[in-house]
C-alpha atoms as a PDB file:
ATOM      1  CA  MET A   1      88.413  76.046-138.340  1.00  0.00           C
ATOM      2  CA  SER A   2      91.416  77.612-136.940  1.00  0.00           C
ATOM      3  CA  GLY A   3      94.866  76.601-137.928  1.00  0.00           C
ATOM      4  CA  LEU A   4      95.909  75.380-134.467  1.00  0.00           C
ATOM      5  CA  VAL A   5      97.419  71.977-134.438  1.00  0.00           C
ATOM      6  CA  PHE A   6      97.926  70.261-131.103  1.00  0.00           C
ATOM      7  CA  ARG A   7     100.728  67.816-130.725  1.00  0.00           C
ATOM      8  CA  THR A   8     100.029  64.587-129.048  1.00  0.00           C
ATOM      9  CA  ARG A   9     102.139  64.021-126.001  1.00  0.00           C
ATOM     10  CA  LYS A  10     104.512  61.120-125.910  1.00  0.00           C
ATOM     11  CA  ALA A  11     103.804  58.560-123.269  1.00  0.00           C
ATOM     12  CA  ARG A  12     106.403  58.803-120.522  1.00  0.00           C
ATOM     13  CA  GLY A  13     107.739  55.731-118.811  1.00  0.00           C
ATOM     14  CA  HIS A  14     106.824  55.198-115.155  1.00  0.00           C
ATOM     15  CA  VAL A  15     109.777  56.080-112.881  1.00  0.00           C
ATOM     16  CA  GLN A  16     110.444  53.851-109.883  1.00  0.00           C
ATOM     17  CA  LEU A  17     112.845  54.609-107.094  1.00  0.00           C
ATOM     18  CA  ASN A  18     114.281  51.512-105.460  1.00  0.00           C
ATOM     19  CA  VAL A  19     114.869  52.330-101.757  1.00  0.00           C
ATOM     20  CA  THR A  20     116.269  48.929-100.767  1.00  0.00           C
ATOM     21  CA  PRO A  21     119.929  49.939-101.314  1.00  0.00           C
ATOM     22  CA  LEU A  22     119.319  53.145 -99.355  1.00  0.00           C
ATOM     23  CA  ILE A  23     117.933  51.191 -96.406  1.00  0.00           C
ATOM     24  CA  ASP A  24     120.904  48.808 -96.563  1.00  0.00           C
ATOM     25  CA  VAL A  25     123.342  51.717 -96.400  1.00  0.00           C
ATOM     26  CA  LEU A  26     121.394  53.253 -93.502  1.00  0.00           C
ATOM     27  CA  PHE A  27     121.603  50.004 -91.531  1.00  0.00           C
ATOM     28  CA  LEU A  28     125.330  49.752 -92.238  1.00  0.00           C
ATOM     29  CA  PHE A  29     125.816  53.268 -90.836  1.00  0.00           C
ATOM     30  CA  ILE A  30     123.805  52.416 -87.746  1.00  0.00           C
ATOM     31  CA  ILE A  31     125.823  49.252 -87.109  1.00  0.00           C
ATOM     32  CA  PHE A  32     129.096  51.110 -87.713  1.00  0.00           C
ATOM     33  CA  PHE A  33     128.283  53.847 -85.208  1.00  0.00           C
ATOM     34  CA  MET A  34     127.006  51.376 -82.625  1.00  0.00           C
ATOM     35  CA  LEU A  35     130.198  49.318 -82.792  1.00  0.00           C
ATOM     36  CA  THR A  36     132.693  52.173 -82.935  1.00  0.00           C
ATOM     37  CA  GLY A  37     131.052  54.553 -80.500  1.00  0.00           C
ATOM     38  CA  THR A  38     132.374  54.757 -76.969  1.00  0.00           C
ATOM     39  CA  PHE A  39     129.810  54.756 -74.255  1.00  0.00           C
ATOM     40  CA  LYS A  40     130.425  56.470 -70.951  1.00  0.00           C
ATOM     41  CA  ARG A  41     128.052  56.477 -68.065  1.00  0.00           C
ATOM     42  CA  VAL A  42     126.454  59.811 -67.432  1.00  0.00           C
ATOM     43  CA  GLY A  43     127.975  61.533 -64.437  1.00  0.00           C
ATOM     44  CA  GLU A  44     130.988  59.246 -64.271  1.00  0.00           C
ATOM     45  CA  LEU A  45     133.926  60.789 -62.441  1.00  0.00           C
ATOM     46  CA  GLU A  46     137.631  60.177 -62.819  1.00  0.00           C
ATOM     47  CA  LEU A  47     138.643  59.186 -59.294  1.00  0.00           C
ATOM     48  CA  ARG A  48     142.175  58.772 -58.016  1.00  0.00           C
ATOM     49  CA  LEU A  49     141.548  55.741 -55.842  1.00  0.00           C
ATOM     50  CA  PRO A  50     144.164  54.529 -53.380  1.00  0.00           C
ATOM     51  CA  GLY A  51     146.182  51.535 -54.517  1.00  0.00           C
ATOM     52  CA  SER A  52     146.121  48.089 -52.980  1.00  0.00           C
ATOM     53  CA  SER A  53     148.308  45.109 -53.813  1.00  0.00           C
ATOM     54  CA  THR A  54     145.897  42.675 -52.127  1.00  0.00           C
ATOM     55  CA  ALA A  55     142.705  43.910 -53.790  1.00  0.00           C
ATOM     56  CA  VAL A  56     140.599  41.409 -55.679  1.00  0.00           C
ATOM     57  CA  PRO A  57     137.899  42.173 -58.227  1.00  0.00           C
ATOM     58  CA  SER A  58     134.421  42.165 -56.762  1.00  0.00           C
ATOM     59  CA  LEU A  59     132.211  39.303 -57.803  1.00  0.00           C
ATOM     60  CA  SER A  60     128.783  40.834 -58.197  1.00  0.00           C
ATOM     61  CA  ASP A  61     125.764  38.812 -59.175  1.00  0.00           C
ATOM     62  CA  GLU A  62     123.610  39.828 -62.095  1.00  0.00           C
ATOM     63  CA  THR A  63     120.636  39.909 -59.729  1.00  0.00           C
ATOM     64  CA  THR A  64     122.276  42.023 -57.014  1.00  0.00           C
ATOM     65  CA  ARG A  65     122.255  45.775 -57.491  1.00  0.00           C
ATOM     66  CA  THR A  66     125.504  47.509 -56.504  1.00  0.00           C
ATOM     67  CA  LEU A  67     125.249  51.168 -55.543  1.00  0.00           C
ATOM     68  CA  GLU A  68     128.318  53.340 -56.042  1.00  0.00           C
ATOM     69  CA  LEU A  69     128.926  55.872 -53.297  1.00  0.00           C
ATOM     70  CA  LEU A  70     131.672  58.251 -54.436  1.00  0.00           C
ATOM     71  CA  LEU A  71     133.486  60.782 -52.272  1.00  0.00           C
ATOM     72  CA  THR A  72     135.854  63.229 -53.972  1.00  0.00           C
ATOM     73  CA  GLU A  73     138.723  65.182 -52.478  1.00  0.00           C
ATOM     74  CA  GLY A  74     136.721  68.359 -53.042  1.00  0.00           C
ATOM     75  CA  GLY A  75     133.957  67.090 -50.771  1.00  0.00           C
ATOM     76  CA  GLY A  76     131.537  65.994 -53.512  1.00  0.00           C
ATOM     77  CA  LEU A  77     129.318  63.064 -52.585  1.00  0.00           C
ATOM     78  CA  TYR A  78     127.644  61.055 -55.353  1.00  0.00           C
ATOM     79  CA  LEU A  79     125.240  58.127 -55.125  1.00  0.00           C
ATOM     80  CA  ASP A  80     125.107  56.271 -58.459  1.00  0.00           C
ATOM     81  CA  GLY A  81     126.316  59.366 -60.320  1.00  0.00           C
ATOM     82  CA  GLU A  82     123.794  61.720 -58.725  1.00  0.00           C
ATOM     83  CA  GLU A  83     125.066  64.317 -56.272  1.00  0.00           C
ATOM     84  CA  VAL A  84     123.630  63.952 -52.773  1.00  0.00           C
ATOM     85  CA  GLU A  85     123.945  65.868 -49.531  1.00  0.00           C
ATOM     86  CA  LEU A  86     125.299  64.149 -46.415  1.00  0.00           C
ATOM     87  CA  PRO A  87     122.231  64.874 -44.217  1.00  0.00           C
ATOM     88  CA  GLY A  88     119.817  63.171 -46.657  1.00  0.00           C
ATOM     89  CA  LEU A  89     122.065  60.226 -47.513  1.00  0.00           C
ATOM     90  CA  LYS A  90     120.791  57.841 -44.812  1.00  0.00           C
ATOM     91  CA  SER A  91     117.128  58.257 -45.799  1.00  0.00           C
ATOM     92  CA  ARG A  92     117.966  57.765 -49.500  1.00  0.00           C
ATOM     93  CA  LEU A  93     119.896  54.592 -48.701  1.00  0.00           C
ATOM     94  CA  GLN A  94     117.065  53.267 -46.526  1.00  0.00           C
ATOM     95  CA  GLY A  95     114.578  53.869 -49.361  1.00  0.00           C
ATOM     96  CA  ILE A  96     116.784  51.980 -51.804  1.00  0.00           C
ATOM     97  CA  LEU A  97     117.223  49.123 -49.328  1.00  0.00           C
ATOM     98  CA  ARG A  98     113.448  48.869 -48.792  1.00  0.00           C
ATOM     99  CA  ALA A  99     112.930  48.639 -52.564  1.00  0.00           C
ATOM    100  CA  ASP A 100     115.740  46.098 -53.061  1.00  0.00           C
ATOM    101  CA  PRO A 101     116.887  44.315 -49.865  1.00  0.00           C
ATOM    102  CA  GLU A 102     119.676  42.469 -51.746  1.00  0.00           C
ATOM    103  CA  SER A 103     121.425  45.637 -52.941  1.00  0.00           C
ATOM    104  CA  ARG A 104     125.005  46.385 -51.915  1.00  0.00           C
ATOM    105  CA  VAL A 105     127.109  49.522 -51.555  1.00  0.00           C
ATOM    106  CA  MET A 106     130.575  50.078 -53.033  1.00  0.00           C
ATOM    107  CA  LEU A 107     132.306  53.024 -51.345  1.00  0.00           C
ATOM    108  CA  LYS A 108     134.921  54.741 -53.492  1.00  0.00           C
ATOM    109  CA  ALA A 109     136.851  57.575 -51.882  1.00  0.00           C
ATOM    110  CA  GLU A 110     139.707  59.425 -53.551  1.00  0.00           C
ATOM    111  CA  ARG A 111     143.225  59.126 -52.228  1.00  0.00           C
ATOM    112  CA  GLY A 112     143.266  62.505 -50.453  1.00  0.00           C
ATOM    113  CA  VAL A 113     139.961  62.157 -48.593  1.00  0.00           C
ATOM    114  CA  PRO A 114     140.446  62.264 -44.806  1.00  0.00           C
ATOM    115  CA  HIS A 115     140.020  58.952 -43.009  1.00  0.00           C
ATOM    116  CA  GLY A 116     137.333  60.418 -40.780  1.00  0.00           C
ATOM    117  CA  GLN A 117     135.078  61.150 -43.764  1.00  0.00           C
ATOM    118  CA  VAL A 118     135.340  57.555 -44.965  1.00  0.00           C
ATOM    119  CA  VAL A 119     134.511  56.212 -41.501  1.00  0.00           C
ATOM    120  CA  LEU A 120     131.529  58.592 -41.300  1.00  0.00           C
ATOM    121  CA  LEU A 121     130.189  57.282 -44.623  1.00  0.00           C
ATOM    122  CA  LEU A 122     130.714  53.684 -43.503  1.00  0.00           C
ATOM    123  CA  ASP A 123     128.693  54.404 -40.355  1.00  0.00           C
ATOM    124  CA  ILE A 124     125.873  56.006 -42.368  1.00  0.00           C
ATOM    125  CA  VAL A 125     125.708  53.044 -44.760  1.00  0.00           C
ATOM    126  CA  ARG A 126     125.684  50.524 -41.913  1.00  0.00           C
ATOM    127  CA  THR A 127     123.049  52.391 -39.878  1.00  0.00           C
ATOM    128  CA  ALA A 128     120.906  52.571 -43.035  1.00  0.00           C
ATOM    129  CA  GLY A 129     120.737  48.774 -42.835  1.00  0.00           C
ATOM    130  CA  PHE A 130     123.241  47.523 -45.405  1.00  0.00           C
ATOM    131  CA  ARG A 131     125.017  44.370 -44.220  1.00  0.00           C
ATOM    132  CA  GLY A 132     128.306  44.797 -46.043  1.00  0.00           C
ATOM    133  CA  VAL A 133     130.129  47.615 -47.729  1.00  0.00           C
ATOM    134  CA  GLY A 134     132.790  47.221 -50.386  1.00  0.00           C
ATOM    135  CA  ILE A 135     135.743  49.593 -50.540  1.00  0.00           C
ATOM    136  CA  GLY A 136     136.854  50.588 -54.039  1.00  0.00           C
ATOM    137  CA  THR A 137     140.608  50.621 -54.695  1.00  0.00           C
ATOM    138  CA  HIS A 138     142.962  50.688 -57.643  1.00  0.00           C
ATOM    139  CA  MET A 139     144.543  47.256 -58.112  1.00  0.00           C
ATOM    140  CA  GLU A 140     148.343  47.362 -58.146  1.00  0.00           C
ATOM    141  CA  PRO A 141     150.787  44.504 -58.593  1.00  0.00           C
ATOM    142  CA  PRO A 142     152.354  43.186 -55.362  1.00  0.00           C
ATOM    143  CA  GLU A 143     155.584  44.903 -54.272  1.00  0.00           C
ATOM    144  CA  GLU A 144     157.687  41.756 -54.764  1.00  0.00           C
ATOM    145  CA  GLU A 145     156.830  41.699 -58.479  1.00  0.00           C
ATOM    146  CA  THR A 146     157.605  45.384 -58.928  1.00  0.00           C
ATOM    147  CA  ARG A 147     161.072  45.005 -57.306  1.00  0.00           C
ATOM    148  CA  THR A 148     162.130  42.172 -59.590  1.00  0.00           C
ATOM    149  CA  ARG A 149     161.380  44.120 -62.748  1.00  0.00           C
END
């Protein structure tokens, strides 16, 4: 026989990794970021709307879809955040109205947009078949309140 002596290996304990605390921390991070994150609609523009002291907030139903038609001073025209061309606007509006007859249009034009452009858009929306059009403004306090301050 040879003189080799083999050592017997010691039995190692079974290692377990408890992932429950890791999952708890992951959920806490998810909740934290959901609550503290700011959400902005894609394609939202900062418009300088004209002020109105008699404006009232629009009361829109949950069931009624309100389309935003935005016109910028630079001539940009956006329908629900998507840029559109003036010649194809009427057909797009008619398609939306066919899909949802109860939908409404809110026209928001910046302060420096010529009056003629706004009237042209109003005509296009009305000839597309929409019954009423809302005009977006920036709500200001009445002049009497501002003088007394």
